[in-house]
Amino acid sequence: MDIFVGRDNPVRAIRDELKDMKSQKNIRILSISGPAGVGKTFLLDHALSELDLDHLRYLPLRVDGNTNSVTLADIIFRDLISTQHPKVGNDARYFRVTRQAWEHLQWMDAAARAELERIAKDDEDLAKLVAALYEGVVGLLELIPTKKAKKMSRFAKRIRGQDVENLVHRVRRAKAYREEKGRLFGLLPVGRAAKERNLLRKDLQGSLAEYVTIDLAAILSGYRPEDWKRYLPSKVDGLDRCLMIFDDYETLEPTLDDFLRRELLRRLEKAKFQTVIIILGRDGIRDVDFAWEQYFGKNIVLDLRLAALSEDESRQYLEALGIHDGNARERIIRNSLGLPFLLAAEAEFELQGGSSALSLQKFVDRTTRWMTQEQKAWALSLAFLEDVNEDTVRHMLPDNNPMEVVEWFKQEASIRSPEAGKWRMLPIIRSRFQASVQNDSPNQYRIYKEKSSIANQQL
């Protein structure tokens, strides 16, 4: 059951901005920040639930940080423009230019993969790396450095260390990612498809931003005069404005941030339609990169920084859930620190009897739902440590980079104790995680206890 308490002012502020039909700004940015589990997404969804976006003439587009997409092209095509809006979502005429760009990138990837597989036909390890890199991904042109983009974004999640360097070196030499030349040693012009592919090769981010802007203009304000040769569809009646939502921005930032700041938003500023951009993340958007304030400070019209619920709000929430025992309520409030996700997890645990294997599993699932499988495994093992530091992590997770694990833990405010003088997990989460491991695998529980005993003795 979804119960919303408190935070009336933030909800009202979001609604007021979205209902503002008189703003003279072409783009307005709303930043909603706070630690994981503080209720950022729930707050926004609650605010949106009482608005009629169709009546306000918005085309809503949304990207969540838990997407499986790892390239910029995939995030744009599979997430951002995959709208289910009834006037746009099922009509192949819309977002056709962006879709064609994605198909060009798909063509390049297929050609490059075939080339690399020929090279790797006698090298089983290399063949496995090629397969892992290209499986289910479009847009590996992103690996090719340009003057504008030199980041590797999120590919390190798939392949790591020296394997990355070796494979990236080979990918960058693939013929499919090089400029196509016309016949007769380049004297003749290339065809239209090759020309579009060359534009992508020259400036991937800029080209994709241009294509998205072209498609949005066709939908919301009518196609631009300079785009008449693209045979674009007519404007959609009843849609005049765009709403873009980027959730869990700390996850999306390595892939999207440069694209948004340097390319897409600058084009949308000049468009004949308005765009409202809502960015949810652990850090306020001004803190993500100083360039947000430098170039778009005047466009950041709302900067909400959420904190935990007050004790009164927490009591109200628990009472609405049906927890009427005063002692139980105070214990849950004390253990959860007022974080909505922990309040919900503890309340569910209490209502189900508090000791069943199912209630433990639901608690773990709820408190780790935004983590990757690797991060979830880290969290379960770190629950056995008194202090989390590079020395103790080295004992618990000998096959992982202890610096990487500790840095992740420092940023994972949803399970980290804000009150401890050292890096420690919240006591309630420690105990629940340990109990869950013991339920699932007594042998793994014993191994973790033995490792942690050695690690904790060295404190």
Protein backbone atom coordinates (compact mmCIF):
# COMPACT_ATOMS: atom_id res chain seq x y z
CA MET A 1 0.00 0.00 0.00
CA ASP A 2 1.46 3.39 -1.03
CA ILE A 3 0.99 5.95 1.74
CA PHE A 4 2.25 9.51 1.37
CA VAL A 5 2.73 11.73 4.41
CA GLY A 6 4.22 15.19 4.85
CA ARG A 7 6.27 17.07 2.27
CA ASP A 8 3.33 19.16 1.14
CA ASN A 9 5.51 22.12 0.17
CA PRO A 10 7.83 20.15 -2.18
CA VAL A 11 4.84 18.50 -3.83
CA ARG A 12 3.15 21.87 -4.31
CA ALA A 13 6.34 23.38 -5.75
CA ILE A 14 6.68 20.60 -8.34
CA ARG A 15 3.06 20.89 -9.38
CA ASP A 16 3.22 24.68 -9.64
CA GLU A 17 6.22 24.51 -11.96
CA LEU A 18 4.60 21.91 -14.20
CA LYS A 19 1.34 23.89 -14.34
CA ASP A 20 3.09 27.17 -15.16
CA MET A 21 1.95 27.95 -18.70
CA LYS A 22 3.32 31.50 -18.73
CA SER A 23 7.03 30.88 -18.21
CA GLN A 24 9.26 32.58 -20.76
CA LYS A 25 12.09 30.07 -20.28
CA ASN A 26 12.42 27.51 -23.04
CA ILE A 27 13.94 25.00 -20.64
CA ARG A 28 13.31 24.76 -16.92
CA ILE A 29 15.24 22.38 -14.69
CA LEU A 30 13.91 20.88 -11.46
CA SER A 31 16.48 19.18 -9.22
CA ILE A 32 15.33 16.71 -6.54
CA SER A 33 18.16 15.36 -4.41
CA GLY A 34 18.79 13.41 -1.25
CA PRO A 35 20.29 10.12 -0.07
CA ALA A 36 19.09 6.80 -1.46
CA GLY A 37 15.83 5.74 0.13
CA VAL A 38 14.76 9.23 1.17
CA GLY A 39 11.78 9.06 -1.19
CA LYS A 40 12.74 11.17 -4.22
CA THR A 41 10.99 9.02 -6.81
CA PHE A 42 7.95 8.46 -4.59
CA LEU A 43 7.67 12.21 -4.05
CA LEU A 44 7.78 12.96 -7.77
CA ASP A 45 5.37 10.18 -8.69
CA HIS A 46 2.96 11.43 -6.03
CA ALA A 47 3.16 14.97 -7.42
CA LEU A 48 2.61 13.72 -10.98
CA SER A 49 -0.28 11.45 -10.00
CA GLU A 50 -2.51 14.42 -9.26
CA LEU A 51 -1.65 16.26 -12.47
CA ASP A 52 -3.28 15.69 -15.86
CA LEU A 53 -0.20 15.82 -18.10
CA ASP A 54 -2.38 15.41 -21.19
CA HIS A 55 -4.43 18.44 -20.22
CA LEU A 56 -1.18 20.34 -19.67
CA ARG A 57 -0.14 19.23 -23.19
CA TYR A 58 3.07 17.44 -22.13
CA LEU A 59 4.87 14.65 -23.93
CA PRO A 60 6.50 12.79 -21.00
CA LEU A 61 9.84 11.01 -21.54
CA ARG A 62 11.64 9.19 -18.74
CA VAL A 63 14.92 7.40 -18.05
CA ASP A 64 15.52 5.45 -14.84
CA GLY A 65 18.98 4.67 -13.51
CA ASN A 66 18.15 0.97 -13.22
CA THR A 67 18.03 0.68 -17.01
CA ASN A 68 19.97 -2.17 -18.60
CA SER A 69 21.15 0.17 -21.35
CA VAL A 70 24.85 0.96 -21.16
CA THR A 71 25.50 3.17 -24.18
CA LEU A 72 24.25 6.67 -24.87
CA ALA A 73 22.49 5.46 -28.03
CA ASP A 74 20.68 2.69 -26.18
CA ILE A 75 19.58 4.98 -23.35
CA ILE A 76 18.15 7.42 -25.87
CA PHE A 77 16.44 4.84 -28.07
CA ARG A 78 15.39 2.13 -25.61
CA ASP A 79 14.54 4.41 -22.70
CA LEU A 80 14.14 8.12 -23.44
CA ILE A 81 12.09 8.03 -26.63
CA SER A 82 10.30 4.73 -25.90
CA THR A 83 7.25 6.66 -24.77
CA GLN A 84 3.95 4.91 -24.31
CA HIS A 85 1.98 8.08 -24.98
CA PRO A 86 -1.09 7.02 -26.98
CA LYS A 87 -0.64 9.77 -29.57
CA VAL A 88 3.02 8.95 -30.26
CA GLY A 89 4.15 5.61 -28.84
CA ASN A 90 2.60 3.27 -31.41
CA ASP A 91 3.19 5.40 -34.50
CA ALA A 92 6.40 4.59 -36.39
CA ARG A 93 6.41 8.03 -38.02
CA TYR A 94 7.46 9.67 -34.79
CA PHE A 95 11.08 9.65 -33.61
CA ARG A 96 11.92 8.19 -37.02
CA VAL A 97 15.11 10.25 -37.41
CA THR A 98 16.47 9.11 -34.05
CA ARG A 99 15.46 5.52 -34.81
CA GLN A 100 17.33 5.64 -38.12
CA ALA A 101 20.46 6.87 -36.34
CA TRP A 102 20.19 3.94 -33.93
CA GLU A 103 19.90 1.59 -36.92
CA HIS A 104 23.03 3.14 -38.46
CA LEU A 105 24.89 2.49 -35.21
CA GLN A 106 23.52 -1.05 -35.15
CA TRP A 107 24.89 -1.57 -38.68
CA MET A 108 28.33 -0.29 -37.63
CA ASP A 109 28.40 -2.53 -34.55
CA ALA A 110 27.43 -5.61 -36.56
CA ALA A 111 30.18 -4.92 -39.11
CA ALA A 112 32.78 -4.24 -36.40
CA ARG A 113 31.78 -7.35 -34.45
CA ALA A 114 32.13 -9.53 -37.55
CA GLU A 115 35.56 -8.01 -38.18
CA LEU A 116 36.70 -8.65 -34.59
CA GLU A 117 35.32 -12.19 -34.59
CA ARG A 118 37.43 -12.96 -37.67
CA ILE A 119 40.50 -11.69 -35.82
CA ALA A 120 39.59 -13.73 -32.74
CA LYS A 121 38.75 -17.00 -34.49
CA ASP A 122 41.88 -18.65 -33.05
CA ASP A 123 41.83 -16.78 -29.74
CA GLU A 124 39.11 -18.16 -27.47
CA ASP A 125 39.64 -15.56 -24.72
CA LEU A 126 39.41 -12.65 -27.16
CA ALA A 127 36.33 -14.18 -28.77
CA LYS A 128 34.61 -14.32 -25.37
CA LEU A 129 35.47 -10.67 -24.72
CA VAL A 130 34.08 -9.61 -28.08
CA ALA A 131 30.87 -11.53 -27.45
CA ALA A 132 30.51 -10.04 -23.96
CA LEU A 133 31.03 -6.50 -25.21
CA TYR A 134 28.62 -6.63 -28.13
CA GLU A 135 25.87 -8.79 -26.64
CA GLY A 136 22.63 -6.82 -26.55
CA VAL A 137 24.35 -3.46 -27.01
CA VAL A 138 24.11 -0.84 -29.75
CA GLY A 139 26.32 2.25 -29.99
CA LEU A 140 29.86 1.05 -29.29
CA LEU A 141 31.03 3.91 -31.47
CA GLU A 142 31.00 5.63 -28.08
CA LEU A 143 34.33 3.91 -27.35
CA ILE A 144 36.04 5.89 -30.08
CA PRO A 145 37.48 9.09 -28.54
CA THR A 146 36.71 12.44 -30.15
CA LYS A 147 37.54 16.01 -29.24
CA LYS A 148 34.18 16.29 -27.46
CA ALA A 149 33.86 12.89 -25.77
CA LYS A 150 36.69 10.88 -24.28
CA LYS A 151 34.88 9.00 -21.50
CA MET A 152 34.32 5.26 -21.58
CA SER A 153 31.03 5.75 -19.70
CA ARG A 154 29.62 2.53 -18.26
CA PHE A 155 31.51 -0.11 -20.25
CA ALA A 156 33.79 -0.83 -17.30
CA LYS A 157 30.82 -2.67 -15.74
CA ARG A 158 31.04 -5.28 -18.48
CA ILE A 159 34.77 -5.83 -18.90
CA ARG A 160 37.58 -4.63 -16.67
CA GLY A 161 41.29 -4.00 -16.33
CA GLN A 162 43.78 -4.98 -18.99
CA ASP A 163 41.08 -6.86 -20.90
CA VAL A 164 39.36 -3.53 -21.47
CA GLU A 165 42.47 -1.86 -22.80
CA ASN A 166 43.23 -4.75 -25.12
CA LEU A 167 39.71 -4.96 -26.50
CA VAL A 168 39.15 -1.21 -26.77
CA HIS A 169 42.40 -0.93 -28.70
CA ARG A 170 41.08 -3.47 -31.22
CA VAL A 171 37.61 -1.88 -31.36
CA ARG A 172 39.10 1.50 -32.15
CA ARG A 173 40.96 0.01 -35.12
CA ALA A 174 37.82 -1.58 -36.57
CA LYS A 175 37.13 -0.41 -40.10
CA ALA A 176 33.40 -0.07 -39.42
CA TYR A 177 34.00 2.87 -37.07
CA ARG A 178 36.16 4.80 -39.55
CA GLU A 179 34.94 7.37 -42.02
CA GLU A 180 33.45 5.91 -45.20
CA LYS A 181 34.89 7.18 -48.48
CA GLY A 182 33.24 7.39 -51.89
CA ARG A 183 34.29 5.31 -54.82
CA LEU A 184 37.24 6.12 -57.07
CA PHE A 185 39.51 6.71 -54.08
CA GLY A 186 37.03 9.08 -52.48
CA LEU A 187 36.46 11.25 -55.55
CA LEU A 188 32.78 10.32 -55.72
CA PRO A 189 30.41 11.34 -52.92
CA VAL A 190 29.13 8.74 -50.47
CA GLY A 191 25.48 7.76 -50.35
CA ARG A 192 22.93 9.22 -47.96
CA ALA A 193 23.19 6.39 -45.40
CA ALA A 194 26.99 6.54 -45.39
CA LYS A 195 26.81 10.32 -44.98
CA GLU A 196 24.62 9.93 -41.89
CA ARG A 197 26.97 7.30 -40.49
CA ASN A 198 29.92 9.63 -41.04
CA LEU A 199 28.13 12.39 -39.12
CA LEU A 200 27.71 9.99 -36.21
CA ARG A 201 31.38 8.99 -36.41
CA LYS A 202 32.47 12.63 -36.39
CA ASP A 203 30.28 13.77 -33.48
CA LEU A 204 28.17 11.07 -31.85
CA GLN A 205 26.75 13.17 -29.02
CA GLY A 206 26.04 16.21 -31.17
CA SER A 207 24.40 14.16 -33.90
CA LEU A 208 22.16 12.25 -31.51
CA ALA A 209 21.13 15.48 -29.78
CA GLU A 210 20.28 17.01 -33.16
CA TYR A 211 18.20 13.99 -34.19
CA VAL A 212 16.24 13.97 -30.91
CA THR A 213 15.59 17.71 -31.30
CA ILE A 214 14.42 17.24 -34.90
CA ASP A 215 11.95 14.55 -33.84
CA LEU A 216 10.68 16.49 -30.83
CA ALA A 217 10.16 19.60 -32.93
CA ALA A 218 8.11 17.63 -35.46
CA ILE A 219 5.86 16.32 -32.66
CA LEU A 220 5.49 19.44 -30.51
CA SER A 221 5.79 22.50 -32.74
CA GLY A 222 5.95 21.28 -36.33
CA TYR A 223 9.12 20.39 -38.19
CA ARG A 224 11.73 23.08 -38.65
CA PRO A 225 12.16 24.65 -42.11
CA GLU A 226 15.70 23.29 -42.41
CA ASP A 227 14.41 19.74 -41.93
CA TRP A 228 11.93 19.71 -44.82
CA LYS A 229 13.92 17.14 -46.80
CA ARG A 230 13.45 14.53 -44.07
CA TYR A 231 9.71 14.11 -44.83
CA LEU A 232 8.68 14.46 -41.20
CA PRO A 233 5.13 13.93 -39.89
CA SER A 234 2.79 16.75 -38.95
CA LYS A 235 2.62 18.21 -35.45
CA VAL A 236 0.64 16.15 -32.95
CA ASP A 237 -2.52 17.92 -31.82
CA GLY A 238 -2.69 18.36 -28.05
CA LEU A 239 1.07 18.08 -27.42
CA ASP A 240 3.03 21.32 -27.10
CA ARG A 241 5.63 20.72 -24.37
CA CYS A 242 8.13 18.08 -23.36
CA LEU A 243 8.69 16.68 -19.87
CA MET A 244 11.97 14.80 -19.44
CA ILE A 245 12.67 12.89 -16.22
CA PHE A 246 16.07 11.43 -15.34
CA ASP A 247 15.91 9.29 -12.19
CA ASP A 248 18.91 7.95 -10.24
CA TYR A 249 21.09 10.48 -12.02
CA GLU A 250 24.24 9.39 -10.20
CA THR A 251 23.99 6.16 -12.23
CA LEU A 252 23.17 7.90 -15.51
CA GLU A 253 25.63 10.77 -15.11
CA PRO A 254 28.76 9.10 -16.59
CA THR A 255 26.89 8.42 -19.84
CA LEU A 256 24.40 11.28 -20.06
CA ASP A 257 25.83 14.36 -18.38
CA ASP A 258 28.02 15.69 -21.19
CA PHE A 259 25.33 14.87 -23.72
CA LEU A 260 22.68 16.81 -21.81
CA ARG A 261 24.76 19.85 -20.86
CA ARG A 262 26.83 20.31 -23.98
CA GLU A 263 24.47 19.18 -26.69
CA LEU A 264 20.79 18.48 -26.04
CA LEU A 265 19.87 21.29 -23.65
CA ARG A 266 21.60 23.91 -25.79
CA ARG A 267 19.49 22.84 -28.76
CA LEU A 268 16.30 22.73 -26.71
CA GLU A 269 16.97 26.30 -25.55
CA LYS A 270 16.54 27.40 -29.17
CA ALA A 271 13.50 25.23 -29.92
CA LYS A 272 9.99 26.56 -30.52
CA PHE A 273 8.59 24.41 -27.72
CA GLN A 274 9.24 24.35 -23.98
CA THR A 275 10.90 21.54 -22.06
CA VAL A 276 10.77 20.84 -18.33
CA ILE A 277 13.61 18.62 -17.14
CA ILE A 278 13.41 16.89 -13.75
CA ILE A 279 16.62 15.35 -12.44
CA LEU A 280 16.55 13.10 -9.38
CA GLY A 281 19.80 12.09 -7.73
CA ARG A 282 21.74 11.91 -4.52
CA ASP A 283 23.42 15.23 -5.31
CA GLY A 284 21.71 18.42 -6.39
CA ILE A 285 22.35 19.07 -10.06
CA ARG A 286 24.48 22.12 -9.23
CA ASP A 287 26.82 19.79 -7.31
CA VAL A 288 27.18 17.26 -10.12
CA ASP A 289 29.31 19.61 -12.21
CA PHE A 290 29.98 23.35 -11.84
CA ALA A 291 29.02 23.78 -15.50
CA TRP A 292 25.35 23.24 -14.62
CA GLU A 293 25.38 26.45 -12.59
CA GLN A 294 27.64 28.24 -15.05
CA TYR A 295 25.54 27.57 -18.16
CA PHE A 296 22.09 26.68 -16.84
CA GLY A 297 21.91 28.34 -13.43
CA LYS A 298 19.12 30.65 -14.60
CA ASN A 299 17.16 27.63 -15.82
CA ILE A 300 17.29 25.75 -12.49
CA VAL A 301 13.94 26.95 -11.16
CA LEU A 302 13.59 24.43 -8.32
CA ASP A 303 16.25 22.81 -6.14
CA LEU A 304 14.65 20.42 -3.65
CA ARG A 305 16.92 18.68 -1.16
CA LEU A 306 15.02 16.02 0.74
CA ALA A 307 15.78 14.85 4.26
CA ALA A 308 14.38 12.00 6.35
CA LEU A 309 10.82 12.22 7.66
CA SER A 310 10.31 13.85 11.04
CA GLU A 311 9.28 11.71 14.01
CA ASP A 312 5.71 12.99 13.74
CA GLU A 313 5.57 12.20 10.03
CA SER A 314 7.05 8.75 10.69
CA ARG A 315 4.42 8.02 13.34
CA GLN A 316 1.68 9.17 11.00
CA TYR A 317 3.03 6.87 8.28
CA LEU A 318 3.25 3.82 10.58
CA GLU A 319 -0.21 4.41 12.00
CA ALA A 320 -1.63 4.58 8.48
CA LEU A 321 -0.02 1.21 7.80
CA GLY A 322 -1.78 -0.28 10.80
CA ILE A 323 1.04 -0.35 13.36
CA HIS A 324 -0.72 0.93 16.48
CA ASP A 325 1.60 -0.44 19.16
CA GLY A 326 3.50 2.59 20.51
CA ASN A 327 6.61 0.64 21.46
CA ALA A 328 6.82 -0.96 18.03
CA ARG A 329 6.40 2.42 16.33
CA GLU A 330 9.16 4.05 18.39
CA ARG A 331 11.52 1.13 17.77
CA ILE A 332 10.93 1.28 14.02
CA ILE A 333 11.41 5.06 13.94
CA ARG A 334 14.62 4.76 15.94
CA ASN A 335 16.01 1.96 13.77
CA SER A 336 15.02 3.50 10.44
CA LEU A 337 16.20 7.06 11.18
CA GLY A 338 13.07 8.27 9.39
CA LEU A 339 14.21 7.11 5.94
CA PRO A 340 10.99 6.24 4.06
CA PHE A 341 12.34 3.11 2.41
CA LEU A 342 13.59 1.76 5.73
CA LEU A 343 10.36 2.72 7.46
CA ALA A 344 8.46 0.75 4.82
CA ALA A 345 10.80 -2.23 5.07
CA GLU A 346 10.66 -2.32 8.87
CA ALA A 347 6.89 -1.86 8.87
CA GLU A 348 6.44 -4.74 6.45
CA PHE A 349 8.78 -6.83 8.59
CA GLU A 350 6.73 -6.02 11.68
CA LEU A 351 3.35 -6.69 10.06
CA GLN A 352 4.49 -10.10 8.80
CA GLY A 353 5.59 -11.27 12.21
CA GLY A 354 9.18 -10.11 12.00
CA SER A 355 10.91 -13.48 11.91
CA SER A 356 9.81 -15.38 8.81
CA ALA A 357 12.24 -16.17 6.01
CA LEU A 358 9.90 -14.43 3.57
CA SER A 359 9.84 -11.20 5.56
CA LEU A 360 13.65 -11.22 5.75
CA GLN A 361 13.93 -11.76 2.01
CA LYS A 362 11.49 -8.93 1.30
CA PHE A 363 13.49 -6.65 3.59
CA VAL A 364 16.73 -7.44 1.74
CA ASP A 365 15.05 -7.01 -1.66
CA ARG A 366 13.57 -3.66 -0.67
CA THR A 367 16.83 -2.26 0.74
CA THR A 368 18.97 -3.40 -2.20
CA ARG A 369 16.60 -2.86 -5.12
CA TRP A 370 18.66 -0.06 -6.69
CA MET A 371 21.95 -1.98 -6.39
CA THR A 372 23.54 -4.11 -9.07
CA GLN A 373 23.93 -7.82 -8.30
CA GLU A 374 27.60 -7.23 -7.56
CA GLN A 375 26.84 -4.37 -5.18
CA LYS A 376 24.18 -6.46 -3.44
CA ALA A 377 26.76 -9.23 -2.88
CA TRP A 378 29.15 -6.64 -1.45
CA ALA A 379 26.47 -5.31 0.89
CA LEU A 380 25.60 -8.76 2.25
CA SER A 381 29.24 -9.53 2.99
CA LEU A 382 30.01 -6.10 4.49
CA ALA A 383 27.17 -6.65 6.97
CA PHE A 384 29.54 -8.93 8.89
CA LEU A 385 32.14 -6.18 9.43
CA GLU A 386 32.25 -3.84 12.42
CA ASP A 387 34.05 -1.16 10.38
CA VAL A 388 34.22 -0.90 6.61
CA ASN A 389 37.67 0.13 5.41
CA GLU A 390 40.19 -1.08 2.86
CA ASP A 391 41.90 -3.43 5.34
CA THR A 392 38.72 -5.17 6.51
CA VAL A 393 37.29 -5.33 2.99
CA ARG A 394 40.49 -6.94 1.75
CA HIS A 395 39.82 -9.88 4.11
CA MET A 396 36.12 -10.16 3.33
CA LEU A 397 36.32 -9.72 -0.45
CA PRO A 398 39.83 -10.81 -1.52
CA ASP A 399 38.84 -11.00 -5.21
CA ASN A 400 37.63 -7.39 -5.34
CA ASN A 401 39.39 -4.05 -5.38
CA PRO A 402 39.04 -2.87 -1.74
CA MET A 403 39.32 0.80 -2.69
CA GLU A 404 36.48 0.46 -5.17
CA VAL A 405 34.26 -1.32 -2.63
CA VAL A 406 34.94 1.24 0.12
CA GLU A 407 34.28 4.16 -2.23
CA TRP A 408 30.98 2.57 -3.22
CA PHE A 409 30.04 2.06 0.44
CA LYS A 410 30.80 5.70 1.25
CA GLN A 411 28.32 6.77 -1.41
CA GLU A 412 25.66 4.20 -0.47
CA ALA A 413 23.85 6.33 2.10
CA SER A 414 20.87 3.96 2.18
CA ILE A 415 22.77 1.36 4.23
CA ARG A 416 25.54 3.45 5.80
CA SER A 417 25.19 4.78 9.34
CA PRO A 418 25.23 8.61 9.32
CA GLU A 419 25.98 8.74 13.05
CA ALA A 420 29.04 6.49 13.36
CA GLY A 421 32.49 8.06 13.59
CA LYS A 422 33.79 5.42 11.18
CA TRP A 423 32.36 3.87 8.02
CA ARG A 424 29.77 1.46 9.37
CA MET A 425 26.53 -0.13 8.22
CA LEU A 426 23.26 0.76 9.90
CA PRO A 427 22.81 -1.72 12.79
CA ILE A 428 19.30 -2.75 11.76
CA ILE A 429 20.45 -3.51 8.21
CA ARG A 430 23.48 -5.43 9.48
CA SER A 431 21.36 -7.74 11.57
CA ARG A 432 18.75 -8.30 8.86
CA PHE A 433 21.36 -8.98 6.18
CA GLN A 434 23.23 -11.44 8.40
CA ALA A 435 20.01 -13.30 9.22
CA SER A 436 19.11 -13.45 5.54
CA VAL A 437 22.51 -14.94 4.62
CA GLN A 438 22.14 -17.51 7.40
CA ASN A 439 18.72 -18.50 6.04
CA ASP A 440 19.91 -18.82 2.46
CA SER A 441 23.25 -20.52 3.07
CA PRO A 442 24.43 -21.59 6.54
CA ASN A 443 27.80 -22.51 5.03
CA GLN A 444 28.25 -19.04 3.50
CA TYR A 445 27.19 -17.51 6.81
CA ARG A 446 29.93 -19.53 8.58
CA ILE A 447 32.53 -18.43 5.99
CA TYR A 448 31.58 -14.77 6.38
CA LYS A 449 31.69 -15.04 10.19
CA GLU A 450 35.17 -16.57 10.08
CA LYS A 451 36.48 -13.95 7.65
CA SER A 452 34.93 -11.08 9.57
CA SER A 453 36.34 -12.39 12.85
CA ILE A 454 39.84 -12.10 11.44
CA ALA A 455 39.11 -8.69 9.88
CA ASN A 456 37.43 -7.29 12.98
CA GLN A 457 40.29 -8.43 15.24
CA GLN A 458 42.65 -6.17 13.31
CA LEU A 459 40.69 -3.02 14.11
